[in-house]
């Protein structure tokens, strides 16, 4: 049951993340108001990190901005630590 809930959650959060990144990229191209980086980073932390990396590469979005990349890489590291802890405790039970 918990697996189904997590799968639905990750599906929904990644649809939201994809949409937000796509909107932000379109606004960047048109030189319009942008979605705050804080919002993008929060979505990265809430969603599955692999997809966040994938969408960054697909859209060529925020791949050069060094301040954002530092925060983004920290989010990636946090996800790997969380996953490692979860797998560790899962294997222990």
PDB file of N, CA and C in Angstrom:
ATOM      1  N   UNK A   1       0.815  -1.198   0.000  1.00  0.00           N
ATOM      2  CA  UNK A   1       0.000   0.000   0.000  1.00  0.00           C
ATOM      3  C   UNK A   1       0.857   1.260   0.000  1.00  0.00           C
ATOM      4  N   UNK A   2       1.883   1.275   0.863  1.00  0.00           N
ATOM      5  CA  UNK A   2       2.747   2.445   0.944  1.00  0.00           C
ATOM      6  C   UNK A   2       3.489   2.670  -0.371  1.00  0.00           C
ATOM      7  N   UNK A   3       3.853   1.595  -1.055  1.00  0.00           N
ATOM      8  CA  UNK A   3       4.547   1.701  -2.333  1.00  0.00           C
ATOM      9  C   UNK A   3       3.645   2.386  -3.365  1.00  0.00           C
ATOM     10  N   UNK A   4       2.372   2.012  -3.393  1.00  0.00           N
ATOM     11  CA  UNK A   4       1.439   2.636  -4.339  1.00  0.00           C
ATOM     12  C   UNK A   4       1.282   4.123  -4.057  1.00  0.00           C
ATOM     13  N   UNK A   5       1.198   4.479  -2.786  1.00  0.00           N
ATOM     14  CA  UNK A   5       1.074   5.891  -2.407  1.00  0.00           C
ATOM     15  C   UNK A   5       2.317   6.667  -2.837  1.00  0.00           C
ATOM     16  N   UNK A   6       3.501   6.095  -2.594  1.00  0.00           N
ATOM     17  CA  UNK A   6       4.751   6.755  -2.998  1.00  0.00           C
ATOM     18  C   UNK A   6       4.845   6.896  -4.516  1.00  0.00           C
ATOM     19  N   UNK A   7       4.437   5.872  -5.241  1.00  0.00           N
ATOM     20  CA  UNK A   7       4.474   5.948  -6.696  1.00  0.00           C
ATOM     21  C   UNK A   7       3.545   7.038  -7.229  1.00  0.00           C
ATOM     22  N   UNK A   8       2.355   7.117  -6.664  1.00  0.00           N
ATOM     23  CA  UNK A   8       1.414   8.166  -7.076  1.00  0.00           C
ATOM     24  C   UNK A   8       1.977   9.544  -6.721  1.00  0.00           C
ATOM     25  N   UNK A   9       2.541   9.663  -5.519  1.00  0.00           N
ATOM     26  CA  UNK A   9       3.146  10.929  -5.098  1.00  0.00           C
ATOM     27  C   UNK A   9       4.249  11.354  -6.060  1.00  0.00           C
ATOM     28  N   UNK A  10       5.175  10.439  -6.359  1.00  0.00           N
ATOM     29  CA  UNK A  10       6.288  10.788  -7.235  1.00  0.00           C
ATOM     30  C   UNK A  10       5.814  11.093  -8.653  1.00  0.00           C
ATOM     31  N   UNK A  11       4.813  10.404  -9.109  1.00  0.00           N
ATOM     32  CA  UNK A  11       4.254  10.707 -10.418  1.00  0.00           C
ATOM     33  C   UNK A  11       3.691  12.129 -10.445  1.00  0.00           C
ATOM     34  N   UNK A  12       2.887  12.466  -9.449  1.00  0.00           N
ATOM     35  CA  UNK A  12       2.277  13.799  -9.409  1.00  0.00           C
ATOM     36  C   UNK A  12       3.308  14.909  -9.227  1.00  0.00           C
ATOM     37  N   UNK A  13       4.253  14.725  -8.310  1.00  0.00           N
ATOM     38  CA  UNK A  13       5.243  15.772  -8.070  1.00  0.00           C
ATOM     39  C   UNK A  13       6.128  15.972  -9.294  1.00  0.00           C
ATOM     40  N   UNK A  14       6.385  14.906 -10.037  1.00  0.00           N
ATOM     41  CA  UNK A  14       7.204  15.051 -11.229  1.00  0.00           C
ATOM     42  C   UNK A  14       6.439  15.692 -12.377  1.00  0.00           C
ATOM     43  N   UNK A  15       5.147  15.479 -12.454  1.00  0.00           N
ATOM     44  CA  UNK A  15       4.337  16.187 -13.446  1.00  0.00           C
ATOM     45  C   UNK A  15       4.338  17.689 -13.129  1.00  0.00           C
ATOM     46  N   UNK A  16       4.179  18.010 -11.850  1.00  0.00           N
ATOM     47  CA  UNK A  16       4.211  19.414 -11.430  1.00  0.00           C
ATOM     48  C   UNK A  16       5.585  20.023 -11.713  1.00  0.00           C
ATOM     49  N   UNK A  17       6.643  19.307 -11.346  1.00  0.00           N
ATOM     50  CA  UNK A  17       8.004  19.803 -11.558  1.00  0.00           C
ATOM     51  C   UNK A  17       8.288  20.012 -13.041  1.00  0.00           C
ATOM     52  N   UNK A  18       7.901  19.050 -13.871  1.00  0.00           N
ATOM     53  CA  UNK A  18       8.087  19.186 -15.307  1.00  0.00           C
ATOM     54  C   UNK A  18       7.373  20.437 -15.822  1.00  0.00           C
ATOM     55  N   UNK A  19       6.134  20.621 -15.419  1.00  0.00           N
ATOM     56  CA  UNK A  19       5.341  21.762 -15.886  1.00  0.00           C
ATOM     57  C   UNK A  19       5.967  23.084 -15.449  1.00  0.00           C
ATOM     58  N   UNK A  20       6.376  23.167 -14.195  1.00  0.00           N
ATOM     59  CA  UNK A  20       6.982  24.401 -13.679  1.00  0.00           C
ATOM     60  C   UNK A  20       8.286  24.707 -14.404  1.00  0.00           C
ATOM     61  N   UNK A  21       9.127  23.698 -14.605  1.00  0.00           N
ATOM     62  CA  UNK A  21      10.398  23.927 -15.317  1.00  0.00           C
ATOM     63  C   UNK A  21      10.154  24.320 -16.766  1.00  0.00           C
ATOM     64  N   UNK A  22       9.166  23.719 -17.401  1.00  0.00           N
ATOM     65  CA  UNK A  22       8.842  24.057 -18.781  1.00  0.00           C
ATOM     66  C   UNK A  22       8.352  25.507 -18.866  1.00  0.00           C
ATOM     67  N   UNK A  23       7.472  25.896 -17.950  1.00  0.00           N
ATOM     68  CA  UNK A  23       6.970  27.280 -17.920  1.00  0.00           C
ATOM     69  C   UNK A  23       8.118  28.250 -17.697  1.00  0.00           C
ATOM     70  N   UNK A  24       9.001  27.931 -16.746  1.00  0.00           N
ATOM     71  CA  UNK A  24      10.122  28.826 -16.457  1.00  0.00           C
ATOM     72  C   UNK A  24      11.047  28.956 -17.658  1.00  0.00           C
ATOM     73  N   UNK A  25      11.302  27.861 -18.344  1.00  0.00           N
ATOM     74  CA  UNK A  25      12.168  27.915 -19.529  1.00  0.00           C
ATOM     75  C   UNK A  25      11.527  28.766 -20.624  1.00  0.00           C
ATOM     76  N   UNK A  26      10.233  28.611 -20.839  1.00  0.00           N
ATOM     77  CA  UNK A  26       9.525  29.411 -21.839  1.00  0.00           C
ATOM     78  C   UNK A  26       9.598  30.895 -21.480  1.00  0.00           C
ATOM     79  N   UNK A  27       9.438  31.204 -20.197  1.00  0.00           N
ATOM     80  CA  UNK A  27       9.514  32.600 -19.752  1.00  0.00           C
ATOM     81  C   UNK A  27      10.933  33.147 -19.917  1.00  0.00           C
ATOM     82  N   UNK A  28      11.922  32.311 -19.704  1.00  0.00           N
ATOM     83  CA  UNK A  28      13.308  32.756 -19.881  1.00  0.00           C
ATOM     84  C   UNK A  28      13.564  33.104 -21.343  1.00  0.00           C
ATOM     85  N   UNK A  29      13.073  32.281 -22.242  1.00  0.00           N
ATOM     86  CA  UNK A  29      13.264  32.537 -23.669  1.00  0.00           C
ATOM     87  C   UNK A  29      12.598  33.842 -24.077  1.00  0.00           C
ATOM     88  N   UNK A  30      11.423  34.104 -23.516  1.00  0.00           N
ATOM     89  CA  UNK A  30      10.661  35.307 -23.872  1.00  0.00           C
ATOM     90  C   UNK A  30      11.031  36.521 -23.024  1.00  0.00           C
ATOM     91  N   UNK A  31      12.043  36.366 -22.162  1.00  0.00           N
ATOM     92  CA  UNK A  31      12.511  37.449 -21.282  1.00  0.00           C
ATOM     93  C   UNK A  31      11.384  37.993 -20.406  1.00  0.00           C
ATOM     94  N   UNK A  32      10.579  37.093 -19.849  1.00  0.00           N
ATOM     95  CA  UNK A  32       9.479  37.468 -18.967  1.00  0.00           C
ATOM     96  C   UNK A  32       9.827  37.111 -17.529  1.00  0.00           C
ATOM     97  N   UNK A  33       8.885  37.451 -16.618  1.00  0.00           N
ATOM     98  CA  UNK A  33       9.050  37.155 -15.204  1.00  0.00           C
ATOM     99  C   UNK A  33       9.289  35.666 -15.011  1.00  0.00           C
ATOM    100  N   UNK A  34      10.241  35.325 -14.133  1.00  0.00           N
ATOM    101  CA  UNK A  34      10.653  33.934 -13.934  1.00  0.00           C
ATOM    102  C   UNK A  34      10.132  33.375 -12.623  1.00  0.00           C
ATOM    103  N   UNK A  35      10.091  32.083 -12.556  1.00  0.00           N
ATOM    104  CA  UNK A  35       9.734  31.374 -11.327  1.00  0.00           C
ATOM    105  C   UNK A  35      10.958  31.414 -10.413  1.00  0.00           C
ATOM    106  N   UNK A  36      10.772  31.745  -9.147  1.00  0.00           N
ATOM    107  CA  UNK A  36      11.926  31.858  -8.236  1.00  0.00           C
ATOM    108  C   UNK A  36      12.716  30.545  -8.144  1.00  0.00           C
ATOM    109  N   UNK A  37      14.030  30.679  -8.035  1.00  0.00           N
ATOM    110  CA  UNK A  37      14.897  29.509  -7.901  1.00  0.00           C
ATOM    111  C   UNK A  37      14.540  28.702  -6.661  1.00  0.00           C
ATOM    112  N   UNK A  38      14.121  29.389  -5.619  1.00  0.00           N
ATOM    113  CA  UNK A  38      13.739  28.705  -4.387  1.00  0.00           C
ATOM    114  C   UNK A  38      12.617  27.698  -4.665  1.00  0.00           C
ATOM    115  N   UNK A  39      11.669  28.079  -5.491  1.00  0.00           N
ATOM    116  CA  UNK A  39      10.563  27.183  -5.852  1.00  0.00           C
ATOM    117  C   UNK A  39      11.091  25.963  -6.593  1.00  0.00           C
ATOM    118  N   UNK A  40      12.002  26.175  -7.529  1.00  0.00           N
ATOM    119  CA  UNK A  40      12.574  25.061  -8.288  1.00  0.00           C
ATOM    120  C   UNK A  40      13.355  24.113  -7.376  1.00  0.00           C
ATOM    121  N   UNK A  41      14.076  24.672  -6.423  1.00  0.00           N
ATOM    122  CA  UNK A  41      14.846  23.834  -5.502  1.00  0.00           C
ATOM    123  C   UNK A  41      13.930  23.052  -4.557  1.00  0.00           C
ATOM    124  N   UNK A  42      12.858  23.681  -4.097  1.00  0.00           N
ATOM    125  CA  UNK A  42      11.914  22.976  -3.229  1.00  0.00           C
ATOM    126  C   UNK A  42      11.279  21.816  -3.985  1.00  0.00           C
ATOM    127  N   UNK A  43      10.904  22.049  -5.235  1.00  0.00           N
ATOM    128  CA  UNK A  43      10.343  20.969  -6.047  1.00  0.00           C
ATOM    129  C   UNK A  43      11.354  19.846  -6.239  1.00  0.00           C
ATOM    130  N   UNK A  44      12.619  20.210  -6.375  1.00  0.00           N
ATOM    131  CA  UNK A  44      13.676  19.205  -6.506  1.00  0.00           C
ATOM    132  C   UNK A  44      13.752  18.348  -5.244  1.00  0.00           C
ATOM    133  N   UNK A  45      13.666  19.000  -4.090  1.00  0.00           N
ATOM    134  CA  UNK A  45      13.728  18.254  -2.838  1.00  0.00           C
ATOM    135  C   UNK A  45      12.490  17.384  -2.623  1.00  0.00           C
ATOM    136  N   UNK A  46      11.344  17.844  -3.101  1.00  0.00           N
ATOM    137  CA  UNK A  46      10.101  17.099  -2.907  1.00  0.00           C
ATOM    138  C   UNK A  46       9.937  15.939  -3.876  1.00  0.00           C
ATOM    139  N   UNK A  47      10.584  16.051  -5.020  1.00  0.00           N
ATOM    140  CA  UNK A  47      10.401  15.040  -6.053  1.00  0.00           C
ATOM    141  C   UNK A  47      11.560  14.083  -6.150  1.00  0.00           C
ATOM    142  N   UNK A  48      11.468  13.218  -7.119  1.00  0.00           N
ATOM    143  CA  UNK A  48      12.510  12.240  -7.355  1.00  0.00           C
ATOM    144  C   UNK A  48      13.657  12.927  -8.080  1.00  0.00           C
ATOM    145  N   UNK A  49      14.817  12.927  -7.508  1.00  0.00           N
ATOM    146  CA  UNK A  49      15.956  13.722  -7.966  1.00  0.00           C
ATOM    147  C   UNK A  49      16.414  13.354  -9.373  1.00  0.00           C
ATOM    148  N   UNK A  50      16.289  12.095  -9.744  1.00  0.00           N
ATOM    149  CA  UNK A  50      16.727  11.670 -11.074  1.00  0.00           C
ATOM    150  C   UNK A  50      15.971  12.434 -12.153  1.00  0.00           C
ATOM    151  N   UNK A  51      14.673  12.621 -11.959  1.00  0.00           N
ATOM    152  CA  UNK A  51      13.878  13.359 -12.943  1.00  0.00           C
ATOM    153  C   UNK A  51      14.243  14.832 -12.964  1.00  0.00           C
ATOM    154  N   UNK A  52      14.573  15.401 -11.817  1.00  0.00           N
ATOM    155  CA  UNK A  52      14.988  16.806 -11.790  1.00  0.00           C
ATOM    156  C   UNK A  52      16.246  17.004 -12.628  1.00  0.00           C
ATOM    157  N   UNK A  53      17.198  16.096 -12.477  1.00  0.00           N
ATOM    158  CA  UNK A  53      18.424  16.165 -13.289  1.00  0.00           C
ATOM    159  C   UNK A  53      18.089  15.984 -14.769  1.00  0.00           C
ATOM    160  N   UNK A  54      17.217  15.030 -15.059  1.00  0.00           N
ATOM    161  CA  UNK A  54      16.811  14.773 -16.438  1.00  0.00           C
ATOM    162  C   UNK A  54      16.173  16.012 -17.072  1.00  0.00           C
ATOM    163  N   UNK A  55      15.232  16.639 -16.363  1.00  0.00           N
ATOM    164  CA  UNK A  55      14.553  17.813 -16.935  1.00  0.00           C
ATOM    165  C   UNK A  55      15.512  18.990 -17.094  1.00  0.00           C
ATOM    166  N   UNK A  56      16.471  19.123 -16.200  1.00  0.00           N
ATOM    167  CA  UNK A  56      17.471  20.188 -16.370  1.00  0.00           C
ATOM    168  C   UNK A  56      18.216  19.999 -17.684  1.00  0.00           C
ATOM    169  N   UNK A  57      18.580  18.763 -17.987  1.00  0.00           N
ATOM    170  CA  UNK A  57      19.327  18.493 -19.211  1.00  0.00           C
ATOM    171  C   UNK A  57      18.449  18.626 -20.453  1.00  0.00           C
ATOM    172  N   UNK A  58      17.214  18.160 -20.374  1.00  0.00           N
ATOM    173  CA  UNK A  58      16.303  18.239 -21.520  1.00  0.00           C
ATOM    174  C   UNK A  58      16.052  19.699 -21.899  1.00  0.00           C
ATOM    175  N   UNK A  59      15.764  20.519 -20.893  1.00  0.00           N
ATOM    176  CA  UNK A  59      15.436  21.918 -21.159  1.00  0.00           C
ATOM    177  C   UNK A  59      16.671  22.815 -21.210  1.00  0.00           C
ATOM    178  N   UNK A  60      17.843  22.272 -20.910  1.00  0.00           N
ATOM    179  CA  UNK A  60      19.054  23.097 -20.771  1.00  0.00           C
ATOM    180  C   UNK A  60      18.745  24.258 -19.839  1.00  0.00           C
ATOM    181  N   UNK A  61      18.147  23.890 -18.724  1.00  0.00           N
ATOM    182  CA  UNK A  61      17.589  24.878 -17.807  1.00  0.00           C
ATOM    183  C   UNK A  61      18.403  24.922 -16.527  1.00  0.00           C
ATOM    184  N   UNK A  62      18.948  26.085 -16.231  1.00  0.00           N
ATOM    185  CA  UNK A  62      19.744  26.304 -15.021  1.00  0.00           C
ATOM    186  C   UNK A  62      20.983  25.422 -14.998  1.00  0.00           C
ATOM    187  N   UNK A  63      21.578  25.159 -16.146  1.00  0.00           N
ATOM    188  CA  UNK A  63      22.752  24.283 -16.189  1.00  0.00           C
ATOM    189  C   UNK A  63      24.063  25.057 -16.099  1.00  0.00           C
ATOM    190  N   UNK A  64      24.001  26.370 -16.148  1.00  0.00           N
ATOM    191  CA  UNK A  64      25.217  27.179 -16.108  1.00  0.00           C
ATOM    192  C   UNK A  64      25.310  28.015 -14.833  1.00  0.00           C
ATOM    193  N   UNK A  65      24.181  28.431 -14.299  1.00  0.00           N
ATOM    194  CA  UNK A  65      24.149  29.330 -13.153  1.00  0.00           C
ATOM    195  C   UNK A  65      24.765  28.643 -11.930  1.00  0.00           C
ATOM    196  N   UNK A  66      25.949  29.113 -11.520  1.00  0.00           N
ATOM    197  CA  UNK A  66      26.726  28.410 -10.496  1.00  0.00           C
ATOM    198  C   UNK A  66      26.060  28.396  -9.125  1.00  0.00           C
ATOM    199  N   UNK A  67      25.430  29.486  -8.697  1.00  0.00           N
ATOM    200  CA  UNK A  67      24.783  29.509  -7.382  1.00  0.00           C
ATOM    201  C   UNK A  67      23.663  28.470  -7.324  1.00  0.00           C
ATOM    202  N   UNK A  68      22.859  28.400  -8.370  1.00  0.00           N
ATOM    203  CA  UNK A  68      21.786  27.422  -8.401  1.00  0.00           C
ATOM    204  C   UNK A  68      22.350  26.010  -8.408  1.00  0.00           C
ATOM    205  N   UNK A  69      23.414  25.781  -9.164  1.00  0.00           N
ATOM    206  CA  UNK A  69      24.006  24.447  -9.244  1.00  0.00           C
ATOM    207  C   UNK A  69      24.551  23.973  -7.897  1.00  0.00           C
ATOM    208  N   UNK A  70      25.089  24.896  -7.117  1.00  0.00           N
ATOM    209  CA  UNK A  70      25.580  24.530  -5.779  1.00  0.00           C
ATOM    210  C   UNK A  70      24.420  24.027  -4.923  1.00  0.00           C
ATOM    211  N   UNK A  71      23.318  24.772  -4.911  1.00  0.00           N
ATOM    212  CA  UNK A  71      22.140  24.358  -4.148  1.00  0.00           C
ATOM    213  C   UNK A  71      21.555  23.068  -4.712  1.00  0.00           C
ATOM    214  N   UNK A  72      21.516  22.976  -6.031  1.00  0.00           N
ATOM    215  CA  UNK A  72      20.956  21.795  -6.671  1.00  0.00           C
ATOM    216  C   UNK A  72      21.768  20.554  -6.327  1.00  0.00           C
ATOM    217  N   UNK A  73      23.079  20.667  -6.396  1.00  0.00           N
ATOM    218  CA  UNK A  73      23.937  19.529  -6.054  1.00  0.00           C
ATOM    219  C   UNK A  73      23.802  19.151  -4.578  1.00  0.00           C
ATOM    220  N   UNK A  74      23.569  20.145  -3.737  1.00  0.00           N
ATOM    221  CA  UNK A  74      23.320  19.853  -2.323  1.00  0.00           C
ATOM    222  C   UNK A  74      22.023  19.071  -2.165  1.00  0.00           C
ATOM    223  N   UNK A  75      21.001  19.425  -2.949  1.00  0.00           N
ATOM    224  CA  UNK A  75      19.735  18.693  -2.916  1.00  0.00           C
ATOM    225  C   UNK A  75      19.933  17.264  -3.401  1.00  0.00           C
ATOM    226  N   UNK A  76      20.734  17.092  -4.428  1.00  0.00           N
ATOM    227  CA  UNK A  76      21.029  15.747  -4.935  1.00  0.00           C
ATOM    228  C   UNK A  76      21.730  14.933  -3.849  1.00  0.00           C
ATOM    229  N   UNK A  77      22.701  15.531  -3.201  1.00  0.00           N
ATOM    230  CA  UNK A  77      23.419  14.836  -2.127  1.00  0.00           C
ATOM    231  C   UNK A  77      22.459  14.469  -0.995  1.00  0.00           C
ATOM    232  N   UNK A  78      21.566  15.384  -0.644  1.00  0.00           N
ATOM    233  CA  UNK A  78      20.592  15.107   0.415  1.00  0.00           C
ATOM    234  C   UNK A  78      19.705  13.923   0.035  1.00  0.00           C
ATOM    235  N   UNK A  79      19.274  13.873  -1.211  1.00  0.00           N
ATOM    236  CA  UNK A  79      18.442  12.753  -1.668  1.00  0.00           C
ATOM    237  C   UNK A  79      19.194  11.430  -1.568  1.00  0.00           C
ATOM    238  N   UNK A  80      20.452  11.425  -1.974  1.00  0.00           N
ATOM    239  CA  UNK A  80      21.220  10.183  -1.897  1.00  0.00           C
ATOM    240  C   UNK A  80      21.415   9.743  -0.450  1.00  0.00           C
ATOM    241  N   UNK A  81      21.609  10.685   0.445  1.00  0.00           N
ATOM    242  CA  UNK A  81      21.744  10.349   1.862  1.00  0.00           C
ATOM    243  C   UNK A  81      20.430   9.780   2.394  1.00  0.00           C
ATOM    244  N   UNK A  82      19.318  10.435   2.047  1.00  0.00           N
ATOM    245  CA  UNK A  82      18.002   9.948   2.480  1.00  0.00           C
ATOM    246  C   UNK A  82      17.752   8.542   1.941  1.00  0.00           C
ATOM    247  N   UNK A  83      18.035   8.322   0.667  1.00  0.00           N
ATOM    248  CA  UNK A  83      17.827   6.992   0.081  1.00  0.00           C
ATOM    249  C   UNK A  83      18.720   5.947   0.726  1.00  0.00           C
ATOM    250  N   UNK A  84      19.949   6.316   0.997  1.00  0.00           N
ATOM    251  CA  UNK A  84      20.865   5.381   1.637  1.00  0.00           C
ATOM    252  C   UNK A  84      20.329   4.985   3.011  1.00  0.00           C
ATOM    253  N   UNK A  85      19.874   5.972   3.783  1.00  0.00           N
ATOM    254  CA  UNK A  85      19.328   5.695   5.122  1.00  0.00           C
ATOM    255  C   UNK A  85      18.092   4.801   5.016  1.00  0.00           C
ATOM    256  N   UNK A  86      17.190   5.118   4.079  1.00  0.00           N
ATOM    257  CA  UNK A  86      15.982   4.313   3.912  1.00  0.00           C
ATOM    258  C   UNK A  86      16.308   2.872   3.536  1.00  0.00           C
ATOM    259  N   UNK A  87      17.221   2.696   2.586  1.00  0.00           N
ATOM    260  CA  UNK A  87      17.608   1.342   2.194  1.00  0.00           C
ATOM    261  C   UNK A  87      18.314   0.612   3.325  1.00  0.00           C
ATOM    262  N   UNK A  88      19.134   1.320   4.070  1.00  0.00           N
ATOM    263  CA  UNK A  88      19.836   0.710   5.194  1.00  0.00           C
ATOM    264  C   UNK A  88      18.842   0.148   6.207  1.00  0.00           C
ATOM    265  N   UNK A  89      17.861   0.981   6.597  1.00  0.00           N
ATOM    266  CA  UNK A  89      16.882   0.521   7.569  1.00  0.00           C
ATOM    267  C   UNK A  89      15.944  -0.527   6.996  1.00  0.00           C
ATOM    268  N   UNK A  90      15.648  -0.436   5.716  1.00  0.00           N
ATOM    269  CA  UNK A  90      14.805  -1.429   5.074  1.00  0.00           C
ATOM    270  C   UNK A  90      15.505  -2.790   5.075  1.00  0.00           C
ATOM    271  N   UNK A  91      16.792  -2.797   4.786  1.00  0.00           N
ATOM    272  CA  UNK A  91      17.542  -4.057   4.761  1.00  0.00           C
ATOM    273  C   UNK A  91      17.749  -4.622   6.169  1.00  0.00           C
ATOM    274  N   UNK A  92      17.744  -3.759   7.170  1.00  0.00           N
ATOM    275  CA  UNK A  92      17.925  -4.193   8.550  1.00  0.00           C
ATOM    276  C   UNK A  92      16.663  -4.887   9.094  1.00  0.00           C
ATOM    277  N   UNK A  93      15.512  -4.553   8.527  1.00  0.00           N
ATOM    278  CA  UNK A  93      14.269  -5.128   9.076  1.00  0.00           C
ATOM    279  C   UNK A  93      13.933  -6.465   8.484  1.00  0.00           C
TER     280      UNK A  93
END
